[in-house]
């Protein structure tokens, strides 16, 4: 039985590394370091489906990465609204 019926390429650790590097380039190291651990932990997984569906992380645009960042820090886990729920 095919566990990938759409024949989508799975995301590898190298893809995550490349996407992380691209996020640092687009958003900036200081901005990413200012994110909570939970927010930063969502950034690559939230962006991950964009690359394999097109065959490459290189096809993920700067605007898409910025959009994922904005969704995470403004709507999914707003800055300052969830840190008290996480044990240090």
N, C-alpha and C. Protein backbone atom coordinates (compact mmCIF):
# COMPACT_ATOMS: atom_id res chain seq x y z
N UNK A 1 0.84 -1.18 0.00
CA UNK A 1 0.00 0.00 0.00
C UNK A 1 0.89 1.24 0.00
N UNK A 2 0.58 2.19 -0.84
CA UNK A 2 1.36 3.42 -0.97
C UNK A 2 0.95 4.40 0.14
N UNK A 3 1.89 4.73 1.02
CA UNK A 3 1.59 5.65 2.11
C UNK A 3 1.64 7.10 1.64
N UNK A 4 2.01 7.33 0.40
CA UNK A 4 2.10 8.66 -0.17
C UNK A 4 1.32 8.67 -1.49
N UNK A 5 -0.01 8.68 -1.42
CA UNK A 5 -0.83 8.51 -2.63
C UNK A 5 -0.65 9.62 -3.66
N UNK A 6 -0.20 10.80 -3.25
CA UNK A 6 -0.01 11.88 -4.20
C UNK A 6 1.41 11.90 -4.76
N UNK A 7 2.22 10.91 -4.33
CA UNK A 7 3.62 10.82 -4.76
C UNK A 7 4.40 12.10 -4.47
N UNK A 8 4.08 12.74 -3.35
CA UNK A 8 4.82 13.93 -2.95
C UNK A 8 6.16 13.51 -2.37
N UNK A 9 7.16 14.30 -2.62
CA UNK A 9 8.48 14.04 -2.07
C UNK A 9 8.45 14.34 -0.58
N UNK A 10 9.05 13.48 0.22
CA UNK A 10 9.09 13.73 1.66
C UNK A 10 10.21 14.71 1.98
N UNK A 11 10.03 15.43 3.06
CA UNK A 11 10.99 16.45 3.48
C UNK A 11 12.11 15.78 4.24
N UNK A 12 13.34 15.99 3.83
CA UNK A 12 14.51 15.38 4.47
C UNK A 12 15.12 16.34 5.49
N UNK A 13 16.05 15.84 6.28
CA UNK A 13 16.74 16.71 7.24
C UNK A 13 17.55 17.78 6.50
N UNK A 14 18.05 17.44 5.32
CA UNK A 14 18.77 18.42 4.51
C UNK A 14 17.83 19.54 4.05
N UNK A 15 16.58 19.16 3.74
CA UNK A 15 15.59 20.16 3.36
C UNK A 15 15.30 21.11 4.52
N UNK A 16 15.15 20.53 5.73
CA UNK A 16 14.91 21.37 6.90
C UNK A 16 16.09 22.31 7.14
N UNK A 17 17.31 21.80 6.98
CA UNK A 17 18.50 22.65 7.15
C UNK A 17 18.49 23.79 6.14
N UNK A 18 18.18 23.47 4.89
CA UNK A 18 18.15 24.49 3.84
C UNK A 18 17.05 25.51 4.10
N UNK A 19 15.89 25.04 4.55
CA UNK A 19 14.79 25.95 4.84
C UNK A 19 15.13 26.83 6.04
N UNK A 20 15.77 26.27 7.04
CA UNK A 20 16.20 27.05 8.21
C UNK A 20 17.17 28.15 7.80
N UNK A 21 18.14 27.79 6.97
CA UNK A 21 19.12 28.77 6.50
C UNK A 21 18.43 29.87 5.70
N UNK A 22 17.46 29.48 4.88
CA UNK A 22 16.74 30.47 4.08
C UNK A 22 15.91 31.39 4.99
N UNK A 23 15.30 30.83 6.04
CA UNK A 23 14.52 31.64 6.97
C UNK A 23 15.41 32.65 7.68
N UNK A 24 16.61 32.24 8.07
CA UNK A 24 17.56 33.17 8.71
C UNK A 24 17.92 34.28 7.74
N UNK A 25 18.13 33.93 6.49
CA UNK A 25 18.47 34.93 5.47
C UNK A 25 17.32 35.91 5.25
N UNK A 26 16.10 35.41 5.20
CA UNK A 26 14.94 36.24 4.88
C UNK A 26 14.47 37.06 6.08
N UNK A 27 14.30 36.39 7.21
CA UNK A 27 13.72 37.05 8.39
C UNK A 27 14.79 37.72 9.24
N UNK A 28 15.95 37.12 9.28
CA UNK A 28 17.04 37.67 10.08
C UNK A 28 17.27 36.90 11.35
N UNK A 29 18.52 36.74 11.68
CA UNK A 29 18.91 35.96 12.86
C UNK A 29 18.34 36.55 14.13
N UNK A 30 18.44 37.86 14.28
CA UNK A 30 17.96 38.51 15.51
C UNK A 30 16.45 38.36 15.68
N UNK A 31 15.71 38.42 14.58
CA UNK A 31 14.26 38.25 14.64
C UNK A 31 13.91 36.83 15.08
N UNK A 32 14.61 35.86 14.52
CA UNK A 32 14.35 34.47 14.89
C UNK A 32 14.73 34.23 16.35
N UNK A 33 15.85 34.80 16.78
CA UNK A 33 16.26 34.63 18.18
C UNK A 33 15.27 35.30 19.14
N UNK A 34 14.55 36.31 18.67
CA UNK A 34 13.56 37.00 19.51
C UNK A 34 12.26 36.21 19.62
N UNK A 35 12.07 35.23 18.76
CA UNK A 35 10.86 34.39 18.83
C UNK A 35 10.97 33.48 20.05
N UNK A 36 9.82 33.10 20.59
CA UNK A 36 9.85 32.12 21.66
C UNK A 36 10.29 30.78 21.07
N UNK A 37 10.68 29.86 21.92
CA UNK A 37 11.10 28.54 21.43
C UNK A 37 9.95 27.85 20.70
N UNK A 38 8.73 28.01 21.22
CA UNK A 38 7.57 27.39 20.58
C UNK A 38 7.31 27.99 19.19
N UNK A 39 7.42 29.31 19.08
CA UNK A 39 7.21 29.97 17.79
C UNK A 39 8.27 29.52 16.78
N UNK A 40 9.52 29.56 17.19
CA UNK A 40 10.61 29.17 16.30
C UNK A 40 10.47 27.70 15.89
N UNK A 41 10.00 26.88 16.81
CA UNK A 41 9.82 25.47 16.51
C UNK A 41 8.75 25.21 15.47
N UNK A 42 7.86 26.16 15.27
CA UNK A 42 6.80 26.01 14.26
C UNK A 42 7.19 26.55 12.89
N UNK A 43 8.21 27.38 12.83
CA UNK A 43 8.52 28.07 11.58
C UNK A 43 8.84 27.12 10.43
N UNK A 44 9.78 26.22 10.60
CA UNK A 44 10.12 25.30 9.51
C UNK A 44 9.02 24.29 9.22
N UNK A 45 8.43 23.67 10.25
CA UNK A 45 7.34 22.74 9.93
C UNK A 45 6.17 23.42 9.21
N UNK A 46 5.89 24.68 9.55
CA UNK A 46 4.80 25.40 8.88
C UNK A 46 5.14 25.68 7.42
N UNK A 47 6.42 25.91 7.13
CA UNK A 47 6.85 26.21 5.77
C UNK A 47 7.18 24.96 4.97
N UNK A 48 7.41 23.86 5.65
CA UNK A 48 7.87 22.63 5.00
C UNK A 48 7.01 22.15 3.84
N UNK A 49 5.69 22.17 3.95
CA UNK A 49 4.90 21.65 2.83
C UNK A 49 5.07 22.43 1.53
N UNK A 50 5.57 23.63 1.61
CA UNK A 50 5.72 24.44 0.40
C UNK A 50 6.77 23.89 -0.55
N UNK A 51 7.89 23.42 -0.04
CA UNK A 51 9.00 22.97 -0.88
C UNK A 51 8.80 21.66 -1.62
N UNK A 52 8.55 20.56 -0.90
CA UNK A 52 8.46 19.27 -1.59
C UNK A 52 7.37 19.21 -2.64
N UNK A 53 6.28 19.93 -2.42
CA UNK A 53 5.21 19.90 -3.41
C UNK A 53 5.65 20.49 -4.74
N UNK A 54 6.68 21.29 -4.71
CA UNK A 54 7.22 21.89 -5.93
C UNK A 54 8.55 21.27 -6.32
N UNK A 55 9.03 20.35 -5.49
CA UNK A 55 10.26 19.65 -5.82
C UNK A 55 11.52 20.15 -5.15
N UNK A 56 11.48 21.33 -4.53
CA UNK A 56 12.71 21.88 -3.97
C UNK A 56 12.41 22.98 -2.96
N UNK A 57 13.26 23.06 -1.94
CA UNK A 57 13.17 24.16 -0.97
C UNK A 57 13.47 25.48 -1.67
N UNK A 58 14.28 25.44 -2.70
CA UNK A 58 14.65 26.66 -3.42
C UNK A 58 13.43 27.36 -4.03
N UNK A 59 12.35 26.63 -4.21
CA UNK A 59 11.16 27.24 -4.80
C UNK A 59 10.31 27.98 -3.77
N UNK A 60 10.62 27.83 -2.49
CA UNK A 60 9.89 28.56 -1.45
C UNK A 60 10.36 30.02 -1.51
N UNK A 61 9.41 30.92 -1.69
CA UNK A 61 9.77 32.33 -1.87
C UNK A 61 9.98 33.03 -0.53
N UNK A 62 10.67 34.16 -0.59
CA UNK A 62 10.88 34.98 0.60
C UNK A 62 9.53 35.39 1.19
N UNK A 63 8.59 35.76 0.33
CA UNK A 63 7.27 36.20 0.79
C UNK A 63 6.54 35.08 1.53
N UNK A 64 6.70 33.84 1.08
CA UNK A 64 6.06 32.71 1.76
C UNK A 64 6.65 32.51 3.15
N UNK A 65 7.96 32.63 3.27
CA UNK A 65 8.60 32.49 4.58
C UNK A 65 8.15 33.63 5.50
N UNK A 66 8.13 34.85 4.98
CA UNK A 66 7.67 35.99 5.77
C UNK A 66 6.21 35.79 6.19
N UNK A 67 5.40 35.26 5.31
CA UNK A 67 3.99 35.01 5.62
C UNK A 67 3.83 33.98 6.73
N UNK A 68 4.63 32.92 6.68
CA UNK A 68 4.57 31.91 7.74
C UNK A 68 5.00 32.51 9.07
N UNK A 69 6.05 33.33 9.04
CA UNK A 69 6.52 34.01 10.25
C UNK A 69 5.39 34.86 10.84
N UNK A 70 4.76 35.68 10.00
CA UNK A 70 3.69 36.56 10.47
C UNK A 70 2.52 35.76 11.02
N UNK A 71 2.13 34.69 10.36
CA UNK A 71 1.03 33.87 10.87
C UNK A 71 1.34 33.31 12.25
N UNK A 72 2.57 32.85 12.43
CA UNK A 72 2.95 32.25 13.71
C UNK A 72 2.97 33.30 14.82
N UNK A 73 3.65 34.43 14.61
CA UNK A 73 3.82 35.40 15.70
C UNK A 73 2.60 36.29 15.92
N UNK A 74 1.72 36.38 14.93
CA UNK A 74 0.54 37.22 15.09
C UNK A 74 -0.73 36.44 15.41
N UNK A 75 -0.84 35.21 14.91
CA UNK A 75 -2.11 34.49 15.02
C UNK A 75 -2.03 33.13 15.73
N UNK A 76 -1.06 32.31 15.37
CA UNK A 76 -0.99 30.96 15.94
C UNK A 76 -0.53 31.01 17.40
N UNK A 77 0.61 31.60 17.63
CA UNK A 77 1.16 31.78 18.99
C UNK A 77 1.62 33.24 19.13
N UNK A 78 0.69 34.15 19.36
CA UNK A 78 1.07 35.56 19.44
C UNK A 78 2.14 35.80 20.50
N UNK A 79 3.08 36.64 20.17
CA UNK A 79 4.16 36.97 21.09
C UNK A 79 3.57 37.52 22.39
N UNK A 80 4.00 36.95 23.50
CA UNK A 80 3.57 37.38 24.81
C UNK A 80 2.31 36.73 25.32
N UNK A 81 1.62 35.99 24.46
CA UNK A 81 0.33 35.41 24.85
C UNK A 81 0.42 33.97 25.31
N UNK A 82 1.55 33.32 25.12
CA UNK A 82 1.62 31.89 25.44
C UNK A 82 2.81 31.50 26.30
N UNK A 83 3.78 32.39 26.48
CA UNK A 83 4.99 32.02 27.17
C UNK A 83 4.73 31.54 28.60
N UNK A 84 3.72 32.06 29.25
CA UNK A 84 3.42 31.66 30.63
C UNK A 84 2.92 30.22 30.72
N UNK A 85 2.53 29.64 29.59
CA UNK A 85 2.03 28.25 29.57
C UNK A 85 3.15 27.23 29.40
N UNK A 86 4.34 27.69 29.08
CA UNK A 86 5.45 26.80 28.77
C UNK A 86 6.42 26.79 29.95
N UNK A 87 6.76 25.60 30.41
CA UNK A 87 7.76 25.48 31.47
C UNK A 87 9.11 25.86 30.92
N UNK A 88 9.91 26.61 31.68
CA UNK A 88 11.26 26.99 31.20
C UNK A 88 12.19 25.81 31.11
